[in-house]
Amino acid sequence: MAGERWQDKDARVDDARHTAARLLIEQGLDISVVQEIIGHSQLTTTKRYTHITATLSTDAAARMGRALWG
């Protein structure tokens, strides 16, 4: 069962930070705000935690389309 598989794995704080950073970025928060929430002292660390997702790419393309063609 899926629940049993999850119980076999160790959850890490680092995994939670990656997930939180990605979700916050996808909500449109500025990366410096994400940095503060996650608790990183260096922005470069936060940048390693955030990845370009399909959601972000699609949103960026839609915004560009609206900027160019209304």
PDB file of N, CA and C in Angstrom:
ATOM      1  N   MET A   1       0.830  -1.182   0.000  1.00  0.00           N
ATOM      2  CA  MET A   1       0.000   0.000   0.000  1.00  0.00           C
ATOM      3  C   MET A   1       0.879   1.252   0.000  1.00  0.00           C
ATOM      4  N   ALA A   2       0.358   2.317  -0.541  1.00  0.00           N
ATOM      5  CA  ALA A   2       1.128   3.563  -0.652  1.00  0.00           C
ATOM      6  C   ALA A   2       1.499   4.102   0.723  1.00  0.00           C
ATOM      7  N   GLY A   3       0.592   4.048   1.659  1.00  0.00           N
ATOM      8  CA  GLY A   3       0.873   4.543   3.004  1.00  0.00           C
ATOM      9  C   GLY A   3       1.989   3.779   3.679  1.00  0.00           C
ATOM     10  N   GLU A   4       2.020   2.481   3.449  1.00  0.00           N
ATOM     11  CA  GLU A   4       3.066   1.667   4.037  1.00  0.00           C
ATOM     12  C   GLU A   4       4.423   2.002   3.442  1.00  0.00           C
ATOM     13  N   ARG A   5       4.456   2.268   2.141  1.00  0.00           N
ATOM     14  CA  ARG A   5       5.717   2.649   1.518  1.00  0.00           C
ATOM     15  C   ARG A   5       6.229   3.950   2.108  1.00  0.00           C
ATOM     16  N   TRP A   6       5.348   4.911   2.350  1.00  0.00           N
ATOM     17  CA  TRP A   6       5.756   6.188   2.931  1.00  0.00           C
ATOM     18  C   TRP A   6       6.345   5.969   4.320  1.00  0.00           C
ATOM     19  N   GLN A   7       5.765   5.069   5.096  1.00  0.00           N
ATOM     20  CA  GLN A   7       6.242   4.834   6.448  1.00  0.00           C
ATOM     21  C   GLN A   7       7.639   4.224   6.445  1.00  0.00           C
ATOM     22  N   ASP A   8       8.000   3.558   5.385  1.00  0.00           N
ATOM     23  CA  ASP A   8       9.327   2.950   5.295  1.00  0.00           C
ATOM     24  C   ASP A   8      10.418   3.981   5.015  1.00  0.00           C
ATOM     25  N   LYS A   9      10.038   5.177   4.594  1.00  0.00           N
ATOM     26  CA  LYS A   9      11.013   6.195   4.225  1.00  0.00           C
ATOM     27  C   LYS A   9      11.152   7.223   5.337  1.00  0.00           C
ATOM     28  N   ASP A  10      12.360   7.715   5.472  1.00  0.00           N
ATOM     29  CA  ASP A  10      12.604   8.765   6.446  1.00  0.00           C
ATOM     30  C   ASP A  10      12.290  10.108   5.814  1.00  0.00           C
ATOM     31  N   ALA A  11      11.476  10.896   6.466  1.00  0.00           N
ATOM     32  CA  ALA A  11      11.199  12.251   5.997  1.00  0.00           C
ATOM     33  C   ALA A  11      12.315  13.152   6.509  1.00  0.00           C
ATOM     34  N   ARG A  12      12.809  14.010   5.627  1.00  0.00           N
ATOM     35  CA  ARG A  12      13.894  14.892   6.009  1.00  0.00           C
ATOM     36  C   ARG A  12      13.415  16.340   5.967  1.00  0.00           C
ATOM     37  N   VAL A  13      13.967  17.162   6.840  1.00  0.00           N
ATOM     38  CA  VAL A  13      13.655  18.580   6.847  1.00  0.00           C
ATOM     39  C   VAL A  13      14.022  19.196   5.503  1.00  0.00           C
ATOM     40  N   ASP A  14      15.114  18.744   4.930  1.00  0.00           N
ATOM     41  CA  ASP A  14      15.559  19.248   3.643  1.00  0.00           C
ATOM     42  C   ASP A  14      14.504  19.020   2.557  1.00  0.00           C
ATOM     43  N   ASP A  15      13.861  17.860   2.576  1.00  0.00           N
ATOM     44  CA  ASP A  15      12.803  17.567   1.606  1.00  0.00           C
ATOM     45  C   ASP A  15      11.636  18.543   1.781  1.00  0.00           C
ATOM     46  N   ALA A  16      11.282  18.819   3.013  1.00  0.00           N
ATOM     47  CA  ALA A  16      10.192  19.758   3.289  1.00  0.00           C
ATOM     48  C   ALA A  16      10.553  21.154   2.803  1.00  0.00           C
ATOM     49  N   ARG A  17      11.798  21.551   2.966  1.00  0.00           N
ATOM     50  CA  ARG A  17      12.231  22.867   2.486  1.00  0.00           C
ATOM     51  C   ARG A  17      12.130  22.962   0.966  1.00  0.00           C
ATOM     52  N   HIS A  18      12.546  21.923   0.274  1.00  0.00           N
ATOM     53  CA  HIS A  18      12.448  21.913  -1.189  1.00  0.00           C
ATOM     54  C   HIS A  18      10.988  22.064  -1.619  1.00  0.00           C
ATOM     55  N   THR A  19      10.122  21.298  -0.996  1.00  0.00           N
ATOM     56  CA  THR A  19       8.704  21.349  -1.338  1.00  0.00           C
ATOM     57  C   THR A  19       8.128  22.721  -1.038  1.00  0.00           C
ATOM     58  N   ALA A  20       8.421  23.252   0.131  1.00  0.00           N
ATOM     59  CA  ALA A  20       7.906  24.573   0.511  1.00  0.00           C
ATOM     60  C   ALA A  20       8.412  25.651  -0.445  1.00  0.00           C
ATOM     61  N   ALA A  21       9.693  25.610  -0.774  1.00  0.00           N
ATOM     62  CA  ALA A  21      10.264  26.610  -1.672  1.00  0.00           C
ATOM     63  C   ALA A  21       9.593  26.552  -3.036  1.00  0.00           C
ATOM     64  N   ARG A  22       9.407  25.365  -3.565  1.00  0.00           N
ATOM     65  CA  ARG A  22       8.777  25.222  -4.875  1.00  0.00           C
ATOM     66  C   ARG A  22       7.342  25.734  -4.853  1.00  0.00           C
ATOM     67  N   LEU A  23       6.587  25.380  -3.831  1.00  0.00           N
ATOM     68  CA  LEU A  23       5.197  25.815  -3.745  1.00  0.00           C
ATOM     69  C   LEU A  23       5.093  27.328  -3.580  1.00  0.00           C
ATOM     70  N   LEU A  24       5.974  27.911  -2.793  1.00  0.00           N
ATOM     71  CA  LEU A  24       5.952  29.362  -2.595  1.00  0.00           C
ATOM     72  C   LEU A  24       6.295  30.100  -3.883  1.00  0.00           C
ATOM     73  N   ILE A  25       7.292  29.619  -4.603  1.00  0.00           N
ATOM     74  CA  ILE A  25       7.663  30.227  -5.878  1.00  0.00           C
ATOM     75  C   ILE A  25       6.508  30.109  -6.864  1.00  0.00           C
ATOM     76  N   GLU A  26       5.854  28.951  -6.897  1.00  0.00           N
ATOM     77  CA  GLU A  26       4.725  28.763  -7.805  1.00  0.00           C
ATOM     78  C   GLU A  26       3.549  29.663  -7.456  1.00  0.00           C
ATOM     79  N   GLN A  27       3.479  30.106  -6.203  1.00  0.00           N
ATOM     80  CA  GLN A  27       2.419  31.035  -5.798  1.00  0.00           C
ATOM     81  C   GLN A  27       2.765  32.472  -6.147  1.00  0.00           C
ATOM     82  N   GLY A  28       3.934  32.671  -6.703  1.00  0.00           N
ATOM     83  CA  GLY A  28       4.309  34.010  -7.156  1.00  0.00           C
ATOM     84  C   GLY A  28       5.101  34.829  -6.156  1.00  0.00           C
ATOM     85  N   LEU A  29       5.531  34.232  -5.069  1.00  0.00           N
ATOM     86  CA  LEU A  29       6.331  34.975  -4.102  1.00  0.00           C
ATOM     87  C   LEU A  29       7.710  35.259  -4.671  1.00  0.00           C
ATOM     88  N   ASP A  30       8.216  36.423  -4.366  1.00  0.00           N
ATOM     89  CA  ASP A  30       9.573  36.783  -4.759  1.00  0.00           C
ATOM     90  C   ASP A  30      10.553  35.854  -4.052  1.00  0.00           C
ATOM     91  N   ILE A  31      11.630  35.521  -4.726  1.00  0.00           N
ATOM     92  CA  ILE A  31      12.590  34.561  -4.172  1.00  0.00           C
ATOM     93  C   ILE A  31      13.208  35.050  -2.861  1.00  0.00           C
ATOM     94  N   SER A  32      13.328  36.367  -2.687  1.00  0.00           N
ATOM     95  CA  SER A  32      13.894  36.868  -1.426  1.00  0.00           C
ATOM     96  C   SER A  32      12.930  36.638  -0.262  1.00  0.00           C
ATOM     97  N   VAL A  33      11.629  36.644  -0.546  1.00  0.00           N
ATOM     98  CA  VAL A  33      10.638  36.325   0.489  1.00  0.00           C
ATOM     99  C   VAL A  33      10.727  34.844   0.838  1.00  0.00           C
ATOM    100  N   VAL A  34      10.862  34.017  -0.191  1.00  0.00           N
ATOM    101  CA  VAL A  34      11.022  32.576   0.032  1.00  0.00           C
ATOM    102  C   VAL A  34      12.275  32.318   0.864  1.00  0.00           C
ATOM    103  N   GLN A  35      13.345  33.023   0.543  1.00  0.00           N
ATOM    104  CA  GLN A  35      14.595  32.883   1.297  1.00  0.00           C
ATOM    105  C   GLN A  35      14.357  33.146   2.784  1.00  0.00           C
ATOM    106  N   GLU A  36      13.623  34.202   3.073  1.00  0.00           N
ATOM    107  CA  GLU A  36      13.342  34.553   4.476  1.00  0.00           C
ATOM    108  C   GLU A  36      12.495  33.481   5.155  1.00  0.00           C
ATOM    109  N   ILE A  37      11.476  33.006   4.465  1.00  0.00           N
ATOM    110  CA  ILE A  37      10.586  31.990   5.050  1.00  0.00           C
ATOM    111  C   ILE A  37      11.329  30.688   5.282  1.00  0.00           C
ATOM    112  N   ILE A  38      12.134  30.266   4.313  1.00  0.00           N
ATOM    113  CA  ILE A  38      12.863  29.000   4.421  1.00  0.00           C
ATOM    114  C   ILE A  38      13.989  29.096   5.449  1.00  0.00           C
ATOM    115  N   GLY A  39      14.522  30.311   5.624  1.00  0.00           N
ATOM    116  CA  GLY A  39      15.558  30.508   6.632  1.00  0.00           C
ATOM    117  C   GLY A  39      16.977  30.412   6.114  1.00  0.00           C
ATOM    118  N   HIS A  40      17.153  30.623   4.821  1.00  0.00           N
ATOM    119  CA  HIS A  40      18.501  30.599   4.265  1.00  0.00           C
ATOM    120  C   HIS A  40      19.171  31.955   4.439  1.00  0.00           C
ATOM    121  N   SER A  41      20.465  31.936   4.736  1.00  0.00           N
ATOM    122  CA  SER A  41      21.205  33.192   4.865  1.00  0.00           C
ATOM    123  C   SER A  41      21.695  33.687   3.506  1.00  0.00           C
ATOM    124  N   GLN A  42      21.821  32.794   2.546  1.00  0.00           N
ATOM    125  CA  GLN A  42      22.312  33.143   1.214  1.00  0.00           C
ATOM    126  C   GLN A  42      21.229  32.884   0.163  1.00  0.00           C
ATOM    127  N   LEU A  43      21.027  33.862  -0.720  1.00  0.00           N
ATOM    128  CA  LEU A  43      20.045  33.695  -1.794  1.00  0.00           C
ATOM    129  C   LEU A  43      20.448  32.561  -2.736  1.00  0.00           C
ATOM    130  N   THR A  44      21.734  32.354  -2.909  1.00  0.00           N
ATOM    131  CA  THR A  44      22.198  31.273  -3.788  1.00  0.00           C
ATOM    132  C   THR A  44      21.733  29.907  -3.287  1.00  0.00           C
ATOM    133  N   THR A  45      21.629  29.744  -1.982  1.00  0.00           N
ATOM    134  CA  THR A  45      21.131  28.486  -1.416  1.00  0.00           C
ATOM    135  C   THR A  45      19.666  28.308  -1.782  1.00  0.00           C
ATOM    136  N   THR A  46      18.886  29.363  -1.634  1.00  0.00           N
ATOM    137  CA  THR A  46      17.467  29.294  -1.969  1.00  0.00           C
ATOM    138  C   THR A  46      17.287  28.983  -3.439  1.00  0.00           C
ATOM    139  N   LYS A  47      18.114  29.560  -4.292  1.00  0.00           N
ATOM    140  CA  LYS A  47      18.013  29.297  -5.727  1.00  0.00           C
ATOM    141  C   LYS A  47      18.239  27.822  -6.034  1.00  0.00           C
ATOM    142  N   ARG A  48      19.087  27.153  -5.270  1.00  0.00           N
ATOM    143  CA  ARG A  48      19.310  25.716  -5.481  1.00  0.00           C
ATOM    144  C   ARG A  48      18.091  24.901  -5.064  1.00  0.00           C
ATOM    145  N   TYR A  49      17.297  25.434  -4.152  1.00  0.00           N
ATOM    146  CA  TYR A  49      16.105  24.741  -3.675  1.00  0.00           C
ATOM    147  C   TYR A  49      14.923  24.896  -4.620  1.00  0.00           C
ATOM    148  N   THR A  50      14.935  25.937  -5.427  1.00  0.00           N
ATOM    149  CA  THR A  50      13.810  26.196  -6.318  1.00  0.00           C
ATOM    150  C   THR A  50      14.184  25.756  -7.727  1.00  0.00           C
ATOM    151  N   HIS A  51      13.252  25.137  -8.375  1.00  0.00           N
ATOM    152  CA  HIS A  51      13.479  24.620  -9.718  1.00  0.00           C
ATOM    153  C   HIS A  51      12.366  25.132 -10.622  1.00  0.00           C
ATOM    154  N   ILE A  52      12.690  25.297 -11.884  1.00  0.00           N
ATOM    155  CA  ILE A  52      11.677  25.701 -12.841  1.00  0.00           C
ATOM    156  C   ILE A  52      10.775  24.496 -13.095  1.00  0.00           C
ATOM    157  N   THR A  53       9.507  24.659 -12.811  1.00  0.00           N
ATOM    158  CA  THR A  53       8.545  23.580 -13.010  1.00  0.00           C
ATOM    159  C   THR A  53       7.707  23.870 -14.245  1.00  0.00           C
ATOM    160  N   ALA A  54       6.944  22.889 -14.669  1.00  0.00           N
ATOM    161  CA  ALA A  54       6.046  23.076 -15.810  1.00  0.00           C
ATOM    162  C   ALA A  54       5.056  24.195 -15.517  1.00  0.00           C
ATOM    163  N   THR A  55       4.601  24.287 -14.279  1.00  0.00           N
ATOM    164  CA  THR A  55       3.659  25.339 -13.894  1.00  0.00           C
ATOM    165  C   THR A  55       4.285  26.708 -14.096  1.00  0.00           C
ATOM    166  N   LEU A  56       5.521  26.879 -13.660  1.00  0.00           N
ATOM    167  CA  LEU A  56       6.197  28.166 -13.813  1.00  0.00           C
ATOM    168  C   LEU A  56       6.457  28.488 -15.275  1.00  0.00           C
ATOM    169  N   SER A  57       6.867  27.504 -16.042  1.00  0.00           N
ATOM    170  CA  SER A  57       7.132  27.727 -17.461  1.00  0.00           C
ATOM    171  C   SER A  57       5.865  28.118 -18.205  1.00  0.00           C
ATOM    172  N   THR A  58       4.783  27.431 -17.929  1.00  0.00           N
ATOM    173  CA  THR A  58       3.506  27.734 -18.573  1.00  0.00           C
ATOM    174  C   THR A  58       3.033  29.130 -18.192  1.00  0.00           C
ATOM    175  N   ASP A  59       3.158  29.479 -16.925  1.00  0.00           N
ATOM    176  CA  ASP A  59       2.754  30.804 -16.470  1.00  0.00           C
ATOM    177  C   ASP A  59       3.599  31.890 -17.131  1.00  0.00           C
ATOM    178  N   ALA A  60       4.898  31.669 -17.223  1.00  0.00           N
ATOM    179  CA  ALA A  60       5.784  32.648 -17.855  1.00  0.00           C
ATOM    180  C   ALA A  60       5.418  32.842 -19.323  1.00  0.00           C
ATOM    181  N   ALA A  61       5.127  31.759 -20.025  1.00  0.00           N
ATOM    182  CA  ALA A  61       4.748  31.857 -21.439  1.00  0.00           C
ATOM    183  C   ALA A  61       3.428  32.607 -21.594  1.00  0.00           C
ATOM    184  N   ALA A  62       2.475  32.343 -20.720  1.00  0.00           N
ATOM    185  CA  ALA A  62       1.184  33.036 -20.784  1.00  0.00           C
ATOM    186  C   ALA A  62       1.352  34.528 -20.512  1.00  0.00           C
ATOM    187  N   ARG A  63       2.183  34.861 -19.550  1.00  0.00           N
ATOM    188  CA  ARG A  63       2.430  36.281 -19.246  1.00  0.00           C
ATOM    189  C   ARG A  63       3.101  36.981 -20.420  1.00  0.00           C
ATOM    190  N   MET A  64       4.036  36.320 -21.061  1.00  0.00           N
ATOM    191  CA  MET A  64       4.699  36.903 -22.210  1.00  0.00           C
ATOM    192  C   MET A  64       3.704  37.119 -23.344  1.00  0.00           C
ATOM    193  N   GLY A  65       2.845  36.140 -23.564  1.00  0.00           N
ATOM    194  CA  GLY A  65       1.809  36.267 -24.588  1.00  0.00           C
ATOM    195  C   GLY A  65       0.895  37.447 -24.327  1.00  0.00           C
ATOM    196  N   ARG A  66       0.482  37.621 -23.085  1.00  0.00           N
ATOM    197  CA  ARG A  66      -0.383  38.768 -22.739  1.00  0.00           C
ATOM    198  C   ARG A  66       0.361  40.084 -22.924  1.00  0.00           C
ATOM    199  N   ALA A  67       1.638  40.110 -22.569  1.00  0.00           N
ATOM    200  CA  ALA A  67       2.423  41.344 -22.714  1.00  0.00           C
ATOM    201  C   ALA A  67       2.596  41.713 -24.178  1.00  0.00           C
ATOM    202  N   LEU A  68       2.760  40.708 -25.022  1.00  0.00           N
ATOM    203  CA  LEU A  68       2.983  40.976 -26.439  1.00  0.00           C
ATOM    204  C   LEU A  68       1.695  41.221 -27.228  1.00  0.00           C
ATOM    205  N   TRP A  69       0.675  40.426 -26.945  1.00  0.00           N
ATOM    206  CA  TRP A  69      -0.524  40.455 -27.773  1.00  0.00           C
ATOM    207  C   TRP A  69      -1.802  40.823 -27.035  1.00  0.00           C
ATOM    208  N   GLY A  70      -1.667  41.124 -25.738  1.00  0.00           N
ATOM    209  CA  GLY A  70      -2.840  41.561 -24.981  1.00  0.00           C
ATOM    210  C   GLY A  70      -3.668  40.513 -24.460  1.00  0.00           C
TER     211      GLY A  70
END
